[in-house]
């Protein structure tokens, strides 16, 4: 009788059986405990991190306009959220957007599936985890990462915006990091859309009734979040932001061209 051996992705490699270690690259990078030789290895880790950036940039640089879809890996295929993910992925592909997810199961799989079935480009950006999470079968282009912060950079750099389906800690992490980047203007014209008013409504109420009321955020910060149940509305929000971004870029190029012309 065949037994299922443990396995784990480690960057571009796949480890199985006794080769699977107890820790991940992220854990070893961030852990200052243990023998001093870990400290002396940090400069070498920088080269591995650099390589991950180079590999990610190279793999994703020629993507068409894309949208990143987040959501729970625990969502079951027979759930309404999974069906919503399929509709969303399909609609994004029909509008010419590539769909980027974390490459895992659940809502991520649903969005990839919808994009693939509609003839669009379906992308998965995987991550090394203590408990193996396979790249779902609906991914056309899959890139594996060791380090969360490298993967997060790819999500933002190659996306026109984020659409977030119901999810847990990982989804919340990506959501609030995106909101912080927009709030601090590290990225501009970058919409963040929440799908599912029933799920996200209590959180939005808390943001308004607690964070805003107690002065922890400003009124414009609340407007950074858009929440809807309508797939078409979500895509319209992304498309409008793309239009504004395009007009801004044209205006900036014209201003530079005029400045150079005047100087001559």
Protein backbone atom coordinates (compact mmCIF):
# COMPACT_ATOMS: atom_id res chain seq x y z
CA UNK A 1 0.00 0.00 0.00
CA UNK A 2 1.41 3.36 -1.05
CA UNK A 3 1.84 5.96 1.68
CA UNK A 4 1.66 9.69 1.05
CA UNK A 5 5.04 11.23 1.79
CA UNK A 6 5.25 14.75 3.19
CA UNK A 7 6.31 17.34 0.67
CA UNK A 8 7.09 21.04 0.54
CA UNK A 9 7.92 23.57 -2.15
CA UNK A 10 11.16 25.43 -1.48
CA UNK A 11 11.53 28.17 -4.04
CA UNK A 12 11.78 26.42 -7.43
CA UNK A 13 12.46 23.05 -5.78
CA UNK A 14 10.10 20.36 -4.51
CA UNK A 15 11.19 18.38 -1.44
CA UNK A 16 9.64 15.09 -0.33
CA UNK A 17 10.06 12.56 2.44
CA UNK A 18 13.07 12.95 4.72
CA UNK A 19 14.29 16.02 2.84
CA UNK A 20 11.40 18.11 4.19
CA UNK A 21 12.75 20.33 6.98
CA UNK A 22 10.96 21.59 10.09
CA UNK A 23 11.39 25.27 9.24
CA UNK A 24 10.92 27.61 6.28
CA UNK A 25 13.28 30.13 4.71
CA UNK A 26 11.26 32.98 6.23
CA UNK A 27 11.54 31.45 9.71
CA UNK A 28 15.29 31.06 9.40
CA UNK A 29 15.68 34.59 8.09
CA UNK A 30 13.72 36.19 10.93
CA UNK A 31 14.92 33.97 13.79
CA UNK A 32 17.88 35.40 15.73
CA UNK A 33 18.02 32.50 18.15
CA UNK A 34 20.29 29.50 17.85
CA UNK A 35 23.95 29.07 16.86
CA UNK A 36 25.88 32.13 15.75
CA UNK A 37 26.56 30.63 12.32
CA UNK A 38 23.03 31.73 11.28
CA UNK A 39 24.17 35.32 11.72
CA UNK A 40 27.15 34.80 9.44
CA UNK A 41 24.88 33.31 6.76
CA UNK A 42 22.63 36.37 6.48
CA UNK A 43 24.76 38.03 3.75
CA UNK A 44 24.31 34.90 1.64
CA UNK A 45 20.57 35.03 2.18
CA UNK A 46 20.60 38.47 0.57
CA UNK A 47 21.75 36.83 -2.67
CA UNK A 48 18.88 34.34 -2.50
CA UNK A 49 16.41 37.16 -1.86
CA UNK A 50 17.88 39.06 -4.80
CA UNK A 51 17.47 35.99 -6.99
CA UNK A 52 13.80 35.70 -6.03
CA UNK A 53 13.19 39.30 -7.03
CA UNK A 54 14.96 38.75 -10.35
CA UNK A 55 13.02 35.54 -11.06
CA UNK A 56 9.71 37.16 -10.16
CA UNK A 57 10.33 40.27 -12.24
CA UNK A 58 11.42 38.15 -15.17
CA UNK A 59 8.40 35.85 -15.03
CA UNK A 60 5.78 38.58 -14.64
CA UNK A 61 7.17 41.54 -16.60
CA UNK A 62 5.26 40.81 -19.81
CA UNK A 63 1.86 40.21 -18.23
CA UNK A 64 -1.03 42.28 -19.59
CA UNK A 65 -2.92 44.48 -17.10
CA UNK A 66 -3.70 42.24 -14.13
CA UNK A 67 -5.80 42.15 -10.98
CA UNK A 68 -4.85 40.31 -7.81
CA UNK A 69 -7.63 38.32 -6.15
CA UNK A 70 -7.27 37.32 -2.50
CA UNK A 71 -9.47 35.02 -0.43
CA UNK A 72 -9.51 32.06 1.91
CA UNK A 73 -7.68 28.87 0.99
CA UNK A 74 -10.25 27.03 3.17
CA UNK A 75 -13.25 27.90 1.01
CA UNK A 76 -14.97 24.72 -0.19
CA UNK A 77 -15.82 24.16 -3.88
CA UNK A 78 -19.53 23.89 -3.07
CA UNK A 79 -19.69 27.23 -1.21
CA UNK A 80 -21.17 30.52 -2.51
CA UNK A 81 -17.78 32.21 -2.08
CA UNK A 82 -16.18 29.68 -4.44
CA UNK A 83 -18.89 30.31 -7.02
CA UNK A 84 -18.33 34.05 -6.60
CA UNK A 85 -14.61 33.56 -7.18
CA UNK A 86 -15.28 31.72 -10.45
CA UNK A 87 -17.60 34.48 -11.67
CA UNK A 88 -15.07 37.12 -10.71
CA UNK A 89 -12.15 35.38 -12.43
CA UNK A 90 -14.21 34.82 -15.55
CA UNK A 91 -15.40 38.43 -15.70
CA UNK A 92 -11.89 39.80 -15.19
CA UNK A 93 -10.56 37.64 -18.02
CA UNK A 94 -13.38 38.75 -20.31
CA UNK A 95 -12.35 42.35 -19.64
CA UNK A 96 -8.78 41.60 -20.67
CA UNK A 97 -7.23 41.33 -17.21
CA UNK A 98 -4.85 38.59 -16.14
CA UNK A 99 -5.87 37.12 -12.78
CA UNK A 100 -3.19 36.79 -10.10
CA UNK A 101 -3.78 34.78 -6.91
CA UNK A 102 -1.69 33.08 -4.27
CA UNK A 103 -2.01 29.92 -6.34
CA UNK A 104 -3.58 27.85 -3.59
CA UNK A 105 -6.98 26.19 -3.13
CA UNK A 106 -10.28 27.77 -2.09
CA UNK A 107 -11.09 31.25 -3.35
CA UNK A 108 -7.73 31.46 -5.10
CA UNK A 109 -8.45 28.31 -7.06
CA UNK A 110 -11.91 29.60 -7.93
CA UNK A 111 -10.60 32.86 -9.41
CA UNK A 112 -7.90 31.01 -11.36
CA UNK A 113 -10.50 28.55 -12.63
CA UNK A 114 -12.83 31.29 -13.83
CA UNK A 115 -10.01 33.08 -15.64
CA UNK A 116 -8.77 29.89 -17.30
CA UNK A 117 -12.24 28.82 -18.43
CA UNK A 118 -12.78 32.26 -19.99
CA UNK A 119 -9.55 31.99 -21.98
CA UNK A 120 -7.66 34.52 -19.82
CA UNK A 121 -4.23 34.36 -18.23
CA UNK A 122 -4.28 32.66 -14.83
CA UNK A 123 -1.31 33.32 -12.53
CA UNK A 124 -0.40 31.84 -9.14
CA UNK A 125 2.27 33.22 -6.83
CA UNK A 126 2.94 30.45 -4.34
CA UNK A 127 4.78 30.57 -1.00
CA UNK A 128 6.73 28.06 1.06
CA UNK A 129 4.62 27.17 4.11
CA UNK A 130 5.13 24.81 7.07
CA UNK A 131 2.12 22.83 5.85
CA UNK A 132 2.30 22.18 2.13
CA UNK A 133 -0.21 23.96 -0.09
CA UNK A 134 -0.11 22.79 -3.68
CA UNK A 135 -0.38 25.12 -6.66
CA UNK A 136 -3.92 24.66 -7.96
CA UNK A 137 -4.46 23.01 -11.34
CA UNK A 138 -5.97 26.12 -12.98
CA UNK A 139 -2.77 28.17 -12.92
CA UNK A 140 -1.13 28.85 -16.31
CA UNK A 141 1.91 30.62 -14.88
CA UNK A 142 3.07 29.64 -11.41
CA UNK A 143 5.95 31.24 -9.52
CA UNK A 144 7.13 29.86 -6.18
CA UNK A 145 8.62 32.10 -3.48
CA UNK A 146 10.47 31.47 -0.24
CA UNK A 147 9.96 34.92 1.24
CA UNK A 148 6.61 36.58 1.89
CA UNK A 149 7.91 40.11 1.34
CA UNK A 150 9.20 39.26 -2.15
CA UNK A 151 5.86 37.72 -3.06
CA UNK A 152 3.98 40.73 -1.66
CA UNK A 153 6.03 43.02 -3.90
CA UNK A 154 4.97 41.01 -6.96
CA UNK A 155 1.30 41.19 -6.00
CA UNK A 156 1.45 44.99 -5.92
CA UNK A 157 3.89 45.70 -8.74
CA UNK A 158 2.03 43.76 -11.41
CA UNK A 159 -1.57 44.52 -10.40
CA UNK A 160 -3.98 47.27 -11.32
CA UNK A 161 -5.74 46.67 -8.00
CA UNK A 162 -6.82 44.14 -5.39
CA UNK A 163 -10.18 42.41 -5.15
CA UNK A 164 -10.60 40.60 -1.84
CA UNK A 165 -13.02 37.73 -1.28
CA UNK A 166 -13.87 36.53 2.24
CA UNK A 167 -10.79 35.16 3.98
CA UNK A 168 -8.79 34.76 7.17
CA UNK A 169 -5.51 36.06 8.59
CA UNK A 170 -3.58 35.80 5.32
CA UNK A 171 -6.28 37.67 3.42
CA UNK A 172 -6.46 40.35 6.11
CA UNK A 173 -2.68 40.71 6.04
CA UNK A 174 -2.67 41.38 2.31
CA UNK A 175 -5.71 43.66 2.57
CA UNK A 176 -4.36 45.94 5.26
CA UNK A 177 -0.89 46.05 3.76
CA UNK A 178 -2.43 47.21 0.48
CA UNK A 179 -4.49 49.84 2.30
CA UNK A 180 -1.39 51.07 4.12
CA UNK A 181 0.52 51.39 0.85
CA UNK A 182 -2.31 53.42 -0.66
CA UNK A 183 -2.81 55.53 2.48
CA UNK A 184 0.89 56.44 2.58
CA UNK A 185 0.94 56.96 -1.21
CA UNK A 186 3.55 54.31 -1.79
CA UNK A 187 1.20 53.28 -4.59
CA UNK A 188 -1.30 55.58 -6.31
CA UNK A 189 -4.53 54.97 -8.25
CA UNK A 190 -4.65 51.52 -6.69
CA UNK A 191 -8.20 50.43 -5.85
CA UNK A 192 -8.95 47.95 -3.07
CA UNK A 193 -12.32 46.24 -3.45
CA UNK A 194 -14.00 43.93 -0.94
CA UNK A 195 -16.45 41.38 -2.33
CA UNK A 196 -19.24 40.37 0.04
CA UNK A 197 -21.10 42.95 2.12
CA UNK A 198 -22.33 40.39 4.64
CA UNK A 199 -18.81 39.21 5.41
CA UNK A 200 -16.97 42.54 5.30
CA UNK A 201 -19.74 44.80 6.61
CA UNK A 202 -18.98 44.35 10.34
CA UNK A 203 -15.30 45.12 9.75
CA UNK A 204 -16.13 48.27 7.80
CA UNK A 205 -18.51 49.34 10.57
CA UNK A 206 -15.70 48.86 13.12
CA UNK A 207 -13.34 50.90 10.97
CA UNK A 208 -15.87 53.74 10.81
CA UNK A 209 -17.26 53.52 14.36
CA UNK A 210 -13.98 52.86 16.18
CA UNK A 211 -10.89 53.74 14.15
CA UNK A 212 -12.39 56.85 12.59
CA UNK A 213 -14.35 57.98 15.67
CA UNK A 214 -11.28 57.68 17.91
CA UNK A 215 -9.09 59.53 15.42
CA UNK A 216 -6.89 56.58 14.51
CA UNK A 217 -7.54 57.22 10.82
CA UNK A 218 -8.78 60.20 8.79
CA UNK A 219 -12.10 60.43 6.91
CA UNK A 220 -10.43 60.05 3.48
CA UNK A 221 -8.90 56.76 4.65
CA UNK A 222 -12.36 55.19 4.87
CA UNK A 223 -12.88 55.97 1.20
CA UNK A 224 -9.91 53.79 0.27
CA UNK A 225 -12.11 50.73 0.75
CA UNK A 226 -14.88 49.88 -1.71
CA UNK A 227 -17.29 47.09 -0.84
CA UNK A 228 -19.77 45.44 -3.16
CA UNK A 229 -21.64 42.22 -3.93
CA UNK A 230 -21.64 42.95 -7.67
CA UNK A 231 -18.86 41.51 -9.85
CA UNK A 232 -19.46 44.06 -12.60
CA UNK A 233 -19.21 46.93 -10.13
CA UNK A 234 -15.93 45.56 -8.77
CA UNK A 235 -14.42 45.42 -12.24
CA UNK A 236 -15.77 48.87 -13.08
CA UNK A 237 -13.93 50.27 -10.04
CA UNK A 238 -10.68 48.70 -11.28
CA UNK A 239 -11.22 49.91 -14.85
CA UNK A 240 -11.98 53.47 -13.74
CA UNK A 241 -8.80 53.58 -11.69
CA UNK A 242 -6.89 52.32 -14.76
CA UNK A 243 -8.41 55.11 -16.83
CA UNK A 244 -7.44 57.77 -14.29
CA UNK A 245 -3.93 56.33 -14.01
CA UNK A 246 -3.53 56.37 -17.78
CA UNK A 247 -4.68 59.99 -18.06
CA UNK A 248 -2.32 61.00 -15.26
CA UNK A 249 0.63 59.30 -16.93
CA UNK A 250 -0.12 61.02 -20.25
CA UNK A 251 -0.38 64.39 -18.49
CA UNK A 252 2.92 63.83 -16.67
CA UNK A 253 4.69 62.87 -19.91
CA UNK A 254 3.32 65.95 -21.64
CA UNK A 255 4.46 68.16 -18.76
CA UNK A 256 7.99 66.73 -18.92
CA UNK A 257 8.06 67.13 -22.70
CA UNK A 258 6.92 70.73 -22.42
CA UNK A 259 9.49 71.48 -19.72
CA UNK A 260 12.29 70.07 -21.88
CA UNK A 261 11.03 72.02 -24.91
CA UNK A 262 10.92 75.27 -22.95
CA UNK A 263 14.43 74.70 -21.64
CA UNK A 264 15.73 74.31 -25.19
